[in-house]
Amino acid sequence: MTPDAVGEGPWRERLSGKGIPVNPVPEVQWNFEKFLISRTGEVVGRFAPDVAADDARLLKAIEAELAG
């Protein structure tokens, strides 16, 4: 099962405001969602488009997965 996205923010509203169809939760919102994959190929983290690539939550999850 795919985890819920961390960092859900105003992205859905922004897409709707531009007339772009929005997928319901828990579907992938947009192609900027990020998925963290373990060494065994499992999805261990999911981050909303509102989470920047240098967000502390994302970096912490990556570091934890690399340490494991």
PDB file of N, CA and C in Angstrom:
ATOM      1  N   MET A   1       0.836  -1.186   0.000  1.00  0.00           N
ATOM      2  CA  MET A   1       0.000   0.000   0.000  1.00  0.00           C
ATOM      3  C   MET A   1       0.885   1.254   0.000  1.00  0.00           C
ATOM      4  N   THR A   2       0.520   2.236  -0.770  1.00  0.00           N
ATOM      5  CA  THR A   2       1.262   3.477  -0.857  1.00  0.00           C
ATOM      6  C   THR A   2       0.904   4.382   0.315  1.00  0.00           C
ATOM      7  N   PRO A   3       1.929   4.919   1.002  1.00  0.00           N
ATOM      8  CA  PRO A   3       1.634   5.801   2.138  1.00  0.00           C
ATOM      9  C   PRO A   3       0.973   7.101   1.695  1.00  0.00           C
ATOM     10  N   ASP A   4       0.289   7.761   2.643  1.00  0.00           N
ATOM     11  CA  ASP A   4      -0.271   9.081   2.363  1.00  0.00           C
ATOM     12  C   ASP A   4       0.864  10.063   2.137  1.00  0.00           C
ATOM     13  N   ALA A   5       0.597  11.084   1.362  1.00  0.00           N
ATOM     14  CA  ALA A   5       1.614  12.093   1.054  1.00  0.00           C
ATOM     15  C   ALA A   5       1.853  12.999   2.253  1.00  0.00           C
ATOM     16  N   VAL A   6       3.112  13.238   2.552  1.00  0.00           N
ATOM     17  CA  VAL A   6       3.526  14.181   3.586  1.00  0.00           C
ATOM     18  C   VAL A   6       3.559  15.566   2.965  1.00  0.00           C
ATOM     19  N   GLY A   7       3.110  16.565   3.704  1.00  0.00           N
ATOM     20  CA  GLY A   7       3.244  17.945   3.248  1.00  0.00           C
ATOM     21  C   GLY A   7       2.146  18.437   2.334  1.00  0.00           C
ATOM     22  N   GLU A   8       0.987  17.839   2.459  1.00  0.00           N
ATOM     23  CA  GLU A   8      -0.151  18.272   1.634  1.00  0.00           C
ATOM     24  C   GLU A   8      -0.413  19.754   1.891  1.00  0.00           C
ATOM     25  N   GLY A   9      -0.380  20.548   0.857  1.00  0.00           N
ATOM     26  CA  GLY A   9      -0.585  21.980   0.993  1.00  0.00           C
ATOM     27  C   GLY A   9      -1.601  22.491  -0.008  1.00  0.00           C
ATOM     28  N   PRO A  10      -1.428  23.687  -0.500  1.00  0.00           N
ATOM     29  CA  PRO A  10      -2.415  24.314  -1.374  1.00  0.00           C
ATOM     30  C   PRO A  10      -2.369  23.870  -2.839  1.00  0.00           C
ATOM     31  N   TRP A  11      -1.577  22.861  -3.126  1.00  0.00           N
ATOM     32  CA  TRP A  11      -1.395  22.459  -4.525  1.00  0.00           C
ATOM     33  C   TRP A  11      -2.713  22.110  -5.207  1.00  0.00           C
ATOM     34  N   ARG A  12      -3.562  21.335  -4.556  1.00  0.00           N
ATOM     35  CA  ARG A  12      -4.843  20.945  -5.156  1.00  0.00           C
ATOM     36  C   ARG A  12      -5.681  22.166  -5.511  1.00  0.00           C
ATOM     37  N   GLU A  13      -5.730  23.135  -4.595  1.00  0.00           N
ATOM     38  CA  GLU A  13      -6.509  24.355  -4.847  1.00  0.00           C
ATOM     39  C   GLU A  13      -5.942  25.139  -6.030  1.00  0.00           C
ATOM     40  N   ARG A  14      -4.618  25.184  -6.117  1.00  0.00           N
ATOM     41  CA  ARG A  14      -3.993  25.895  -7.240  1.00  0.00           C
ATOM     42  C   ARG A  14      -4.348  25.241  -8.568  1.00  0.00           C
ATOM     43  N   LEU A  15      -4.313  23.913  -8.607  1.00  0.00           N
ATOM     44  CA  LEU A  15      -4.669  23.215  -9.848  1.00  0.00           C
ATOM     45  C   LEU A  15      -6.127  23.465 -10.203  1.00  0.00           C
ATOM     46  N   SER A  16      -7.009  23.332  -9.213  1.00  0.00           N
ATOM     47  CA  SER A  16      -8.436  23.561  -9.454  1.00  0.00           C
ATOM     48  C   SER A  16      -8.691  24.972  -9.944  1.00  0.00           C
ATOM     49  N   GLY A  17      -7.986  25.934  -9.365  1.00  0.00           N
ATOM     50  CA  GLY A  17      -8.151  27.331  -9.753  1.00  0.00           C
ATOM     51  C   GLY A  17      -7.761  27.606 -11.196  1.00  0.00           C
ATOM     52  N   LYS A  18      -6.940  26.732 -11.745  1.00  0.00           N
ATOM     53  CA  LYS A  18      -6.515  26.881 -13.143  1.00  0.00           C
ATOM     54  C   LYS A  18      -7.340  25.987 -14.071  1.00  0.00           C
ATOM     55  N   GLY A  19      -8.396  25.362 -13.504  1.00  0.00           N
ATOM     56  CA  GLY A  19      -9.260  24.510 -14.318  1.00  0.00           C
ATOM     57  C   GLY A  19      -8.677  23.143 -14.605  1.00  0.00           C
ATOM     58  N   ILE A  20      -7.651  22.734 -13.858  1.00  0.00           N
ATOM     59  CA  ILE A  20      -7.022  21.434 -14.058  1.00  0.00           C
ATOM     60  C   ILE A  20      -7.706  20.421 -13.142  1.00  0.00           C
ATOM     61  N   PRO A  21      -8.171  19.301 -13.687  1.00  0.00           N
ATOM     62  CA  PRO A  21      -8.820  18.291 -12.855  1.00  0.00           C
ATOM     63  C   PRO A  21      -7.869  17.788 -11.764  1.00  0.00           C
ATOM     64  N   VAL A  22      -8.403  17.596 -10.569  1.00  0.00           N
ATOM     65  CA  VAL A  22      -7.610  17.161  -9.424  1.00  0.00           C
ATOM     66  C   VAL A  22      -8.049  15.766  -8.999  1.00  0.00           C
ATOM     67  N   ASN A  23      -7.082  14.881  -8.804  1.00  0.00           N
ATOM     68  CA  ASN A  23      -7.380  13.532  -8.336  1.00  0.00           C
ATOM     69  C   ASN A  23      -7.755  13.575  -6.859  1.00  0.00           C
ATOM     70  N   PRO A  24      -8.700  12.740  -6.449  1.00  0.00           N
ATOM     71  CA  PRO A  24      -9.065  12.697  -5.025  1.00  0.00           C
ATOM     72  C   PRO A  24      -7.958  12.032  -4.203  1.00  0.00           C
ATOM     73  N   VAL A  25      -7.891  12.380  -2.921  1.00  0.00           N
ATOM     74  CA  VAL A  25      -6.957  11.739  -2.001  1.00  0.00           C
ATOM     75  C   VAL A  25      -7.349  10.277  -1.916  1.00  0.00           C
ATOM     76  N   PRO A  26      -6.486   9.307  -1.969  1.00  0.00           N
ATOM     77  CA  PRO A  26      -5.038   9.351  -1.875  1.00  0.00           C
ATOM     78  C   PRO A  26      -4.327   9.244  -3.221  1.00  0.00           C
ATOM     79  N   GLU A  27      -5.022   9.499  -4.307  1.00  0.00           N
ATOM     80  CA  GLU A  27      -4.407   9.407  -5.633  1.00  0.00           C
ATOM     81  C   GLU A  27      -3.278  10.420  -5.786  1.00  0.00           C
ATOM     82  N   VAL A  28      -2.345  10.129  -6.701  1.00  0.00           N
ATOM     83  CA  VAL A  28      -1.236  11.045  -6.983  1.00  0.00           C
ATOM     84  C   VAL A  28      -1.826  12.320  -7.561  1.00  0.00           C
ATOM     85  N   GLN A  29      -1.391  13.447  -7.008  1.00  0.00           N
ATOM     86  CA  GLN A  29      -1.920  14.749  -7.429  1.00  0.00           C
ATOM     87  C   GLN A  29      -1.366  15.202  -8.760  1.00  0.00           C
ATOM     88  N   TRP A  30      -0.066  15.117  -8.895  1.00  0.00           N
ATOM     89  CA  TRP A  30       0.617  15.782  -9.995  1.00  0.00           C
ATOM     90  C   TRP A  30       1.957  15.113 -10.177  1.00  0.00           C
ATOM     91  N   ASN A  31       2.611  15.351 -11.286  1.00  0.00           N
ATOM     92  CA  ASN A  31       3.878  14.674 -11.551  1.00  0.00           C
ATOM     93  C   ASN A  31       5.040  15.171 -10.685  1.00  0.00           C
ATOM     94  N   PHE A  32       4.801  16.104  -9.782  1.00  0.00           N
ATOM     95  CA  PHE A  32       5.862  16.586  -8.903  1.00  0.00           C
ATOM     96  C   PHE A  32       5.825  15.910  -7.538  1.00  0.00           C
ATOM     97  N   GLU A  33       4.954  14.912  -7.340  1.00  0.00           N
ATOM     98  CA  GLU A  33       4.984  14.152  -6.099  1.00  0.00           C
ATOM     99  C   GLU A  33       6.267  13.352  -6.074  1.00  0.00           C
ATOM    100  N   LYS A  34       6.787  13.140  -4.875  1.00  0.00           N
ATOM    101  CA  LYS A  34       8.052  12.424  -4.728  1.00  0.00           C
ATOM    102  C   LYS A  34       7.808  11.131  -3.956  1.00  0.00           C
ATOM    103  N   PHE A  35       8.418  10.056  -4.398  1.00  0.00           N
ATOM    104  CA  PHE A  35       8.305   8.768  -3.732  1.00  0.00           C
ATOM    105  C   PHE A  35       9.694   8.317  -3.316  1.00  0.00           C
ATOM    106  N   LEU A  36       9.816   7.873  -2.071  1.00  0.00           N
ATOM    107  CA  LEU A  36      11.078   7.346  -1.552  1.00  0.00           C
ATOM    108  C   LEU A  36      10.973   5.828  -1.592  1.00  0.00           C
ATOM    109  N   ILE A  37      11.904   5.199  -2.275  1.00  0.00           N
ATOM    110  CA  ILE A  37      11.899   3.761  -2.484  1.00  0.00           C
ATOM    111  C   ILE A  37      13.036   3.129  -1.685  1.00  0.00           C
ATOM    112  N   SER A  38      12.740   2.054  -0.964  1.00  0.00           N
ATOM    113  CA  SER A  38      13.759   1.368  -0.163  1.00  0.00           C
ATOM    114  C   SER A  38      14.690   0.572  -1.071  1.00  0.00           C
ATOM    115  N   ARG A  39      15.728   0.057  -0.477  1.00  0.00           N
ATOM    116  CA  ARG A  39      16.684  -0.786  -1.224  1.00  0.00           C
ATOM    117  C   ARG A  39      16.025  -2.059  -1.746  1.00  0.00           C
ATOM    118  N   THR A  40      14.921  -2.452  -1.105  1.00  0.00           N
ATOM    119  CA  THR A  40      14.211  -3.666  -1.533  1.00  0.00           C
ATOM    120  C   THR A  40      13.091  -3.364  -2.521  1.00  0.00           C
ATOM    121  N   GLY A  41      12.963  -2.096  -2.905  1.00  0.00           N
ATOM    122  CA  GLY A  41      11.980  -1.717  -3.911  1.00  0.00           C
ATOM    123  C   GLY A  41      10.612  -1.337  -3.379  1.00  0.00           C
ATOM    124  N   GLU A  42      10.479  -1.188  -2.051  1.00  0.00           N
ATOM    125  CA  GLU A  42       9.203  -0.805  -1.465  1.00  0.00           C
ATOM    126  C   GLU A  42       9.092   0.715  -1.337  1.00  0.00           C
ATOM    127  N   VAL A  43       7.876   1.224  -1.521  1.00  0.00           N
ATOM    128  CA  VAL A  43       7.631   2.642  -1.298  1.00  0.00           C
ATOM    129  C   VAL A  43       7.609   2.863   0.211  1.00  0.00           C
ATOM    130  N   VAL A  44       8.546   3.659   0.726  1.00  0.00           N
ATOM    131  CA  VAL A  44       8.636   3.900   2.165  1.00  0.00           C
ATOM    132  C   VAL A  44       8.323   5.349   2.520  1.00  0.00           C
ATOM    133  N   GLY A  45       8.125   6.178   1.522  1.00  0.00           N
ATOM    134  CA  GLY A  45       7.780   7.570   1.775  1.00  0.00           C
ATOM    135  C   GLY A  45       7.150   8.190   0.547  1.00  0.00           C
ATOM    136  N   ARG A  46       6.271   9.126   0.810  1.00  0.00           N
ATOM    137  CA  ARG A  46       5.590   9.839  -0.273  1.00  0.00           C
ATOM    138  C   ARG A  46       5.451  11.286   0.154  1.00  0.00           C
ATOM    139  N   PHE A  47       5.799  12.196  -0.744  1.00  0.00           N
ATOM    140  CA  PHE A  47       5.816  13.618  -0.422  1.00  0.00           C
ATOM    141  C   PHE A  47       5.044  14.395  -1.475  1.00  0.00           C
ATOM    142  N   ALA A  48       4.162  15.258  -1.010  1.00  0.00           N
ATOM    143  CA  ALA A  48       3.308  16.054  -1.881  1.00  0.00           C
ATOM    144  C   ALA A  48       4.129  17.031  -2.728  1.00  0.00           C
ATOM    145  N   PRO A  49       3.541  17.528  -3.824  1.00  0.00           N
ATOM    146  CA  PRO A  49       4.233  18.509  -4.658  1.00  0.00           C
ATOM    147  C   PRO A  49       4.629  19.768  -3.890  1.00  0.00           C
ATOM    148  N   ASP A  50       3.924  20.052  -2.789  1.00  0.00           N
ATOM    149  CA  ASP A  50       4.239  21.237  -1.989  1.00  0.00           C
ATOM    150  C   ASP A  50       5.547  21.095  -1.218  1.00  0.00           C
ATOM    151  N   VAL A  51       6.105  19.884  -1.143  1.00  0.00           N
ATOM    152  CA  VAL A  51       7.360  19.646  -0.432  1.00  0.00           C
ATOM    153  C   VAL A  51       8.511  19.849  -1.416  1.00  0.00           C
ATOM    154  N   ALA A  52       9.373  20.814  -1.092  1.00  0.00           N
ATOM    155  CA  ALA A  52      10.534  21.111  -1.952  1.00  0.00           C
ATOM    156  C   ALA A  52      11.581  20.007  -1.823  1.00  0.00           C
ATOM    157  N   ALA A  53      12.424  19.885  -2.818  1.00  0.00           N
ATOM    158  CA  ALA A  53      13.462  18.857  -2.824  1.00  0.00           C
ATOM    159  C   ALA A  53      14.443  19.008  -1.669  1.00  0.00           C
ATOM    160  N   ASP A  54      14.561  20.192  -1.113  1.00  0.00           N
ATOM    161  CA  ASP A  54      15.476  20.404   0.010  1.00  0.00           C
ATOM    162  C   ASP A  54      14.744  20.538   1.350  1.00  0.00           C
ATOM    163  N   ASP A  55      13.478  20.133   1.390  1.00  0.00           N
ATOM    164  CA  ASP A  55      12.680  20.183   2.619  1.00  0.00           C
ATOM    165  C   ASP A  55      13.296  19.251   3.666  1.00  0.00           C
ATOM    166  N   ALA A  56      13.348  19.714   4.910  1.00  0.00           N
ATOM    167  CA  ALA A  56      13.969  18.944   5.985  1.00  0.00           C
ATOM    168  C   ALA A  56      13.292  17.589   6.188  1.00  0.00           C
ATOM    169  N   ARG A  57      11.968  17.508   6.000  1.00  0.00           N
ATOM    170  CA  ARG A  57      11.257  16.236   6.175  1.00  0.00           C
ATOM    171  C   ARG A  57      11.685  15.214   5.134  1.00  0.00           C
ATOM    172  N   LEU A  58      11.861  15.652   3.912  1.00  0.00           N
ATOM    173  CA  LEU A  58      12.296  14.765   2.836  1.00  0.00           C
ATOM    174  C   LEU A  58      13.737  14.333   3.052  1.00  0.00           C
ATOM    175  N   LEU A  59      14.602  15.296   3.366  1.00  0.00           N
ATOM    176  CA  LEU A  59      16.020  14.958   3.594  1.00  0.00           C
ATOM    177  C   LEU A  59      16.188  13.994   4.763  1.00  0.00           C
ATOM    178  N   LYS A  60      15.432  14.201   5.836  1.00  0.00           N
ATOM    179  CA  LYS A  60      15.506  13.316   6.994  1.00  0.00           C
ATOM    180  C   LYS A  60      15.074  11.898   6.624  1.00  0.00           C
ATOM    181  N   ALA A  61      14.020  11.774   5.832  1.00  0.00           N
ATOM    182  CA  ALA A  61      13.552  10.447   5.400  1.00  0.00           C
ATOM    183  C   ALA A  61      14.582   9.749   4.519  1.00  0.00           C
ATOM    184  N   ILE A  62      15.212  10.504   3.639  1.00  0.00           N
ATOM    185  CA  ILE A  62      16.254   9.923   2.764  1.00  0.00           C
ATOM    186  C   ILE A  62      17.437   9.458   3.594  1.00  0.00           C
ATOM    187  N   GLU A  63      17.887  10.306   4.516  1.00  0.00           N
ATOM    188  CA  GLU A  63      19.021   9.953   5.369  1.00  0.00           C
ATOM    189  C   GLU A  63      18.718   8.726   6.216  1.00  0.00           C
ATOM    190  N   ALA A  64      17.502   8.637   6.752  1.00  0.00           N
ATOM    191  CA  ALA A  64      17.115   7.493   7.558  1.00  0.00           C
ATOM    192  C   ALA A  64      17.116   6.212   6.722  1.00  0.00           C
ATOM    193  N   GLU A  65      16.631   6.324   5.509  1.00  0.00           N
ATOM    194  CA  GLU A  65      16.590   5.134   4.633  1.00  0.00           C
ATOM    195  C   GLU A  65      18.003   4.706   4.244  1.00  0.00           C
ATOM    196  N   LEU A  66      18.885   5.642   3.986  1.00  0.00           N
ATOM    197  CA  LEU A  66      20.269   5.304   3.645  1.00  0.00           C
ATOM    198  C   LEU A  66      21.010   4.690   4.834  1.00  0.00           C
ATOM    199  N   ALA A  67      20.665   5.116   6.036  1.00  0.00           N
ATOM    200  CA  ALA A  67      21.321   4.611   7.234  1.00  0.00           C
ATOM    201  C   ALA A  67      20.868   3.199   7.586  1.00  0.00           C
ATOM    202  N   GLY A  68      19.669   2.846   7.114  1.00  0.00           N
ATOM    203  CA  GLY A  68      19.077   1.554   7.488  1.00  0.00           C
ATOM    204  C   GLY A  68      19.567   0.402   6.755  1.00  0.00           C
TER     205      GLY A  68
END
